[in-house]
Amino acid sequence: MTPEIADVKRWLLERKPEIGDLDPDFDLIDNRVIDSLSFLDFVFFLEELTGRELQATAETVHHFRTLRAIEGNILHV
């Protein structure tokens, strides 16, 4: 696990501690780890982490679904 994805995991678990742990392929949206209210905060956090503006559109929402997708599509682009 890279330090960046560990930061992402920590951020998510601080908001949803009842989950306990996050598998890299656990769907964060379907399982309501990220919901419509927290999605913008999450995108803002990722922008701060990466130092760049992210495009969160209907076409790119799959980039935010799992830790593996976030790592491959957002953190290491």
C-alpha atoms as a PDB file:
ATOM      1  CA  MET A   1       0.000   0.000   0.000  1.00  0.00           C
ATOM      2  CA  THR A   2       1.411   3.367  -1.006  1.00  0.00           C
ATOM      3  CA  PRO A   3       1.517   6.217   1.522  1.00  0.00           C
ATOM      4  CA  GLU A   4      -1.060   8.126  -0.525  1.00  0.00           C
ATOM      5  CA  ILE A   5      -3.603   5.293  -0.578  1.00  0.00           C
ATOM      6  CA  ALA A   6      -2.980   4.781   3.149  1.00  0.00           C
ATOM      7  CA  ASP A   7      -3.934   8.455   3.615  1.00  0.00           C
ATOM      8  CA  VAL A   8      -7.096   7.913   1.581  1.00  0.00           C
ATOM      9  CA  LYS A   9      -7.997   4.817   3.593  1.00  0.00           C
ATOM     10  CA  ARG A  10      -7.375   6.663   6.858  1.00  0.00           C
ATOM     11  CA  TRP A  11      -9.544   9.607   5.725  1.00  0.00           C
ATOM     12  CA  LEU A  12     -12.410   7.266   4.847  1.00  0.00           C
ATOM     13  CA  LEU A  13     -12.166   5.200   8.030  1.00  0.00           C
ATOM     14  CA  GLU A  14     -12.128   8.323  10.196  1.00  0.00           C
ATOM     15  CA  ARG A  15     -15.561   9.121   8.797  1.00  0.00           C
ATOM     16  CA  LYS A  16     -16.901   5.545   8.846  1.00  0.00           C
ATOM     17  CA  PRO A  17     -15.063   3.721  11.679  1.00  0.00           C
ATOM     18  CA  GLU A  18     -17.774   1.065  11.882  1.00  0.00           C
ATOM     19  CA  ILE A  19     -16.434  -0.429   8.635  1.00  0.00           C
ATOM     20  CA  GLY A  20     -13.262  -1.588  10.385  1.00  0.00           C
ATOM     21  CA  ASP A  21     -11.131  -2.090   7.278  1.00  0.00           C
ATOM     22  CA  LEU A  22     -11.321  -1.496   3.549  1.00  0.00           C
ATOM     23  CA  ASP A  23     -10.397  -4.099   0.974  1.00  0.00           C
ATOM     24  CA  PRO A  24      -8.851  -2.560  -2.186  1.00  0.00           C
ATOM     25  CA  ASP A  25     -11.866  -3.693  -4.257  1.00  0.00           C
ATOM     26  CA  PHE A  26     -14.614  -2.750  -1.765  1.00  0.00           C
ATOM     27  CA  ASP A  27     -17.115  -0.504  -3.572  1.00  0.00           C
ATOM     28  CA  LEU A  28     -17.081   2.753  -1.611  1.00  0.00           C
ATOM     29  CA  ILE A  29     -20.148   4.188  -3.328  1.00  0.00           C
ATOM     30  CA  ASP A  30     -22.444   1.133  -3.338  1.00  0.00           C
ATOM     31  CA  ASN A  31     -21.596   0.499   0.315  1.00  0.00           C
ATOM     32  CA  ARG A  32     -22.173   4.156   1.249  1.00  0.00           C
ATOM     33  CA  VAL A  33     -18.678   4.815   2.532  1.00  0.00           C
ATOM     34  CA  ILE A  34     -18.895   7.798   0.205  1.00  0.00           C
ATOM     35  CA  ASP A  35     -22.381   9.203  -0.215  1.00  0.00           C
ATOM     36  CA  SER A  36     -23.698  12.218  -2.054  1.00  0.00           C
ATOM     37  CA  LEU A  37     -23.071  14.471   0.955  1.00  0.00           C
ATOM     38  CA  SER A  38     -19.469  13.417   1.465  1.00  0.00           C
ATOM     39  CA  PHE A  39     -18.461  13.030  -2.188  1.00  0.00           C
ATOM     40  CA  LEU A  40     -17.462  16.668  -2.681  1.00  0.00           C
ATOM     41  CA  ASP A  41     -15.428  16.639   0.541  1.00  0.00           C
ATOM     42  CA  PHE A  42     -13.734  13.478  -0.677  1.00  0.00           C
ATOM     43  CA  VAL A  43     -12.899  14.994  -4.063  1.00  0.00           C
ATOM     44  CA  PHE A  44     -11.525  18.098  -2.314  1.00  0.00           C
ATOM     45  CA  PHE A  45      -9.373  15.873  -0.076  1.00  0.00           C
ATOM     46  CA  LEU A  46      -8.035  14.013  -3.115  1.00  0.00           C
ATOM     47  CA  GLU A  47      -7.275  17.309  -4.860  1.00  0.00           C
ATOM     48  CA  GLU A  48      -5.268  18.444  -1.851  1.00  0.00           C
ATOM     49  CA  LEU A  49      -3.474  15.101  -1.737  1.00  0.00           C
ATOM     50  CA  THR A  50      -2.584  15.115  -5.443  1.00  0.00           C
ATOM     51  CA  GLY A  51      -2.069  18.849  -5.874  1.00  0.00           C
ATOM     52  CA  ARG A  52      -4.288  19.010  -8.929  1.00  0.00           C
ATOM     53  CA  GLU A  53      -7.918  19.618  -9.835  1.00  0.00           C
ATOM     54  CA  LEU A  54      -9.954  16.483 -10.448  1.00  0.00           C
ATOM     55  CA  GLN A  55     -12.851  16.115 -12.846  1.00  0.00           C
ATOM     56  CA  ALA A  56     -15.671  14.271 -11.106  1.00  0.00           C
ATOM     57  CA  THR A  57     -18.263  13.617 -13.781  1.00  0.00           C
ATOM     58  CA  ALA A  58     -20.743  10.871 -14.539  1.00  0.00           C
ATOM     59  CA  GLU A  59     -18.134   9.426 -16.898  1.00  0.00           C
ATOM     60  CA  THR A  60     -15.366   9.378 -14.264  1.00  0.00           C
ATOM     61  CA  VAL A  61     -17.311   8.300 -11.173  1.00  0.00           C
ATOM     62  CA  HIS A  62     -15.889   4.769 -11.534  1.00  0.00           C
ATOM     63  CA  HIS A  63     -12.468   6.277 -10.712  1.00  0.00           C
ATOM     64  CA  PHE A  64     -13.740   6.892  -7.171  1.00  0.00           C
ATOM     65  CA  ARG A  65     -15.438   3.523  -6.519  1.00  0.00           C
ATOM     66  CA  THR A  66     -12.626   1.521  -4.894  1.00  0.00           C
ATOM     67  CA  LEU A  67      -9.240   2.120  -3.329  1.00  0.00           C
ATOM     68  CA  ARG A  68      -7.690   0.244  -6.262  1.00  0.00           C
ATOM     69  CA  ALA A  69      -9.471   2.514  -8.769  1.00  0.00           C
ATOM     70  CA  ILE A  70      -8.463   5.636  -6.834  1.00  0.00           C
ATOM     71  CA  GLU A  71      -4.859   4.500  -6.724  1.00  0.00           C
ATOM     72  CA  GLY A  72      -4.706   3.640 -10.438  1.00  0.00           C
ATOM     73  CA  ASN A  73      -6.809   6.458 -11.874  1.00  0.00           C
ATOM     74  CA  ILE A  74      -6.270   9.396  -9.521  1.00  0.00           C
ATOM     75  CA  LEU A  75      -3.138   8.997  -7.435  1.00  0.00           C
ATOM     76  CA  HIS A  76      -0.794   7.549 -10.045  1.00  0.00           C
ATOM     77  CA  VAL A  77      -1.722   9.272 -13.274  1.00  0.00           C
END
